[in-house]
Every structure is written in C-alpha cells, then in structure tokens.
C-alpha atoms as a PDB file:
ATOM      1  CA  PRO A   1     -23.430  21.363  -2.811  1.00  0.00           C
ATOM      2  CA  PRO A   2     -20.465  19.835  -1.019  1.00  0.00           C
ATOM      3  CA  LEU A   3     -21.250  17.382   1.765  1.00  0.00           C
ATOM      4  CA  ASP A   4     -18.491  17.479   4.388  1.00  0.00           C
ATOM      5  CA  ARG A   5     -19.084  14.114   6.012  1.00  0.00           C
ATOM      6  CA  ILE A   6     -21.212  11.122   4.980  1.00  0.00           C
ATOM      7  CA  GLU A   7     -21.717   7.875   6.841  1.00  0.00           C
ATOM      8  CA  VAL A   8     -23.665   4.876   5.542  1.00  0.00           C
ATOM      9  CA  TRP A   9     -24.560   2.313   8.174  1.00  0.00           C
ATOM     10  CA  LEU A  10     -25.322  -1.181   6.902  1.00  0.00           C
ATOM     11  CA  PRO A  11     -27.343  -3.759   8.869  1.00  0.00           C
ATOM     12  CA  GLY A  12     -25.157  -5.661  11.325  1.00  0.00           C
ATOM     13  CA  SER A  13     -22.103  -3.451  10.730  1.00  0.00           C
ATOM     14  CA  ALA A  14     -20.296  -1.861  13.686  1.00  0.00           C
ATOM     15  CA  VAL A  15     -18.434   0.585  11.421  1.00  0.00           C
ATOM     16  CA  PRO A  16     -20.009   2.828   8.772  1.00  0.00           C
ATOM     17  CA  LEU A  17     -18.864   3.364   5.206  1.00  0.00           C
ATOM     18  CA  ALA A  18     -17.395   6.860   5.325  1.00  0.00           C
ATOM     19  CA  GLY A  19     -17.056   9.596   2.741  1.00  0.00           C
ATOM     20  CA  GLY A  20     -17.477  13.295   2.144  1.00  0.00           C
ATOM     21  CA  ASP A  21     -15.573  16.300   0.830  1.00  0.00           C
ATOM     22  CA  THR A  22     -13.316  16.556   3.889  1.00  0.00           C
ATOM     23  CA  ARG A  23     -11.697  13.226   2.923  1.00  0.00           C
ATOM     24  CA  PRO A  24      -9.197  12.994   0.072  1.00  0.00           C
ATOM     25  CA  PHE A  25     -10.537  11.697  -3.256  1.00  0.00           C
ATOM     26  CA  SER A  26      -8.029   8.824  -3.068  1.00  0.00           C
ATOM     27  CA  ALA A  27      -9.788   7.572   0.104  1.00  0.00           C
ATOM     28  CA  ARG A  28     -13.122   7.046  -1.680  1.00  0.00           C
ATOM     29  CA  LEU A  29     -14.336   3.466  -1.881  1.00  0.00           C
ATOM     30  CA  VAL A  30     -15.426   4.089  -5.477  1.00  0.00           C
ATOM     31  CA  ALA A  31     -13.472   6.562  -7.628  1.00  0.00           C
ATOM     32  CA  HIS A  32     -16.431   8.596  -8.913  1.00  0.00           C
ATOM     33  CA  ARG A  33     -17.312  12.283  -9.037  1.00  0.00           C
ATOM     34  CA  HIS A  34     -20.355  11.601  -6.842  1.00  0.00           C
ATOM     35  CA  HIS A  35     -20.230  10.048  -3.392  1.00  0.00           C
ATOM     36  CA  VAL A  36     -20.756   6.360  -4.228  1.00  0.00           C
ATOM     37  CA  PHE A  37     -20.785   3.553  -1.673  1.00  0.00           C
ATOM     38  CA  PRO A  38     -20.733  -0.159  -2.534  1.00  0.00           C
ATOM     39  CA  VAL A  39     -23.763  -1.783  -0.933  1.00  0.00           C
ATOM     40  CA  ARG A  40     -24.981  -5.333  -1.539  1.00  0.00           C
ATOM     41  CA  LEU A  41     -28.689  -5.823  -0.949  1.00  0.00           C
ATOM     42  CA  PRO A  42     -30.304  -9.256  -0.734  1.00  0.00           C
ATOM     43  CA  PRO A  43     -32.852  -9.682  -3.561  1.00  0.00           C
ATOM     44  CA  GLY A  44     -36.487  -9.505  -2.490  1.00  0.00           C
ATOM     45  CA  GLU A  45     -35.666  -8.593   1.103  1.00  0.00           C
ATOM     46  CA  ALA A  46     -36.462  -5.339   2.918  1.00  0.00           C
ATOM     47  CA  VAL A  47     -33.321  -3.725   4.312  1.00  0.00           C
ATOM     48  CA  THR A  48     -32.894  -0.563   6.386  1.00  0.00           C
ATOM     49  CA  LEU A  49     -29.815   1.557   5.653  1.00  0.00           C
ATOM     50  CA  LEU A  50     -28.956   4.503   7.857  1.00  0.00           C
ATOM     51  CA  LEU A  51     -27.417   7.622   6.360  1.00  0.00           C
ATOM     52  CA  ARG A  52     -25.776  10.444   8.307  1.00  0.00           C
ATOM     53  CA  VAL A  53     -24.803  13.635   6.475  1.00  0.00           C
ATOM     54  CA  GLU A  54     -23.030  16.626   7.973  1.00  0.00           C
ATOM     55  CA  SER A  55     -22.033  19.868   6.247  1.00  0.00           C
ATOM     56  CA  GLN A  56     -21.219  23.484   7.034  1.00  0.00           C
ATOM     57  CA  GLY A  57     -23.436  24.683   4.176  1.00  0.00           C
ATOM     58  CA  ALA A  58     -26.781  23.662   2.770  1.00  0.00           C
ATOM     59  CA  VAL A  59     -27.527  19.973   2.904  1.00  0.00           C
ATOM     60  CA  VAL A  60     -29.139  18.527  -0.224  1.00  0.00           C
ATOM     61  CA  VAL A  61     -28.984  14.748  -0.437  1.00  0.00           C
ATOM     62  CA  PRO A  62     -30.332  13.324  -3.688  1.00  0.00           C
ATOM     63  CA  LEU A  63     -30.219   9.530  -3.191  1.00  0.00           C
ATOM     64  CA  ARG A  64     -30.089   6.912  -5.910  1.00  0.00           C
ATOM     65  CA  LEU A  65     -29.544   3.173  -5.902  1.00  0.00           C
ATOM     66  CA  TRP A  66     -27.516   2.025  -8.897  1.00  0.00           C
ATOM     67  CA  THR A  67     -26.606  -1.381 -10.175  1.00  0.00           C
ATOM     68  CA  THR A  68     -22.893  -2.167 -10.318  1.00  0.00           C
ATOM     69  CA  PRO A  69     -22.659  -1.703 -14.116  1.00  0.00           C
ATOM     70  CA  ALA A  70     -24.302   1.719 -13.880  1.00  0.00           C
END
C-alpha cells in the first residue's frame, strides 16, 4: 500500500530523511521502486533509528536492512 509520508530519524540528526508517495520520484534519495533510505550503521554498535509513517489508507510497513550492493 502507498505510504504518504515517511521520516527516518538518525541519531544526532536534527533533520529526518524524508520520503513517501506524496513526494515526486525524482526527490527520492535512492532511485528505487521501494522507499529506500541510505543509512550508515557503525559495525558492532547498537543504534536506535526512529521511523514515522503517515498515510490516508492502511499502514503496512515491512522493514528491511540491506547492504549497499543489495
């Protein structure tokens, strides 16, 4: 289902990474059919990421962490 607005908050960041179906495809940080956000995680360290999702319809958020080559 379409997700109207997505925000990913990284530790120490004052501004979230933004995405969603209400933004043009050309504004995506990664040109991909899914909503993909570039996130660098320090190896072996626990990190908390905050995710905010807003939509007019049903909200289903299947999350996956991928490596850059994937």
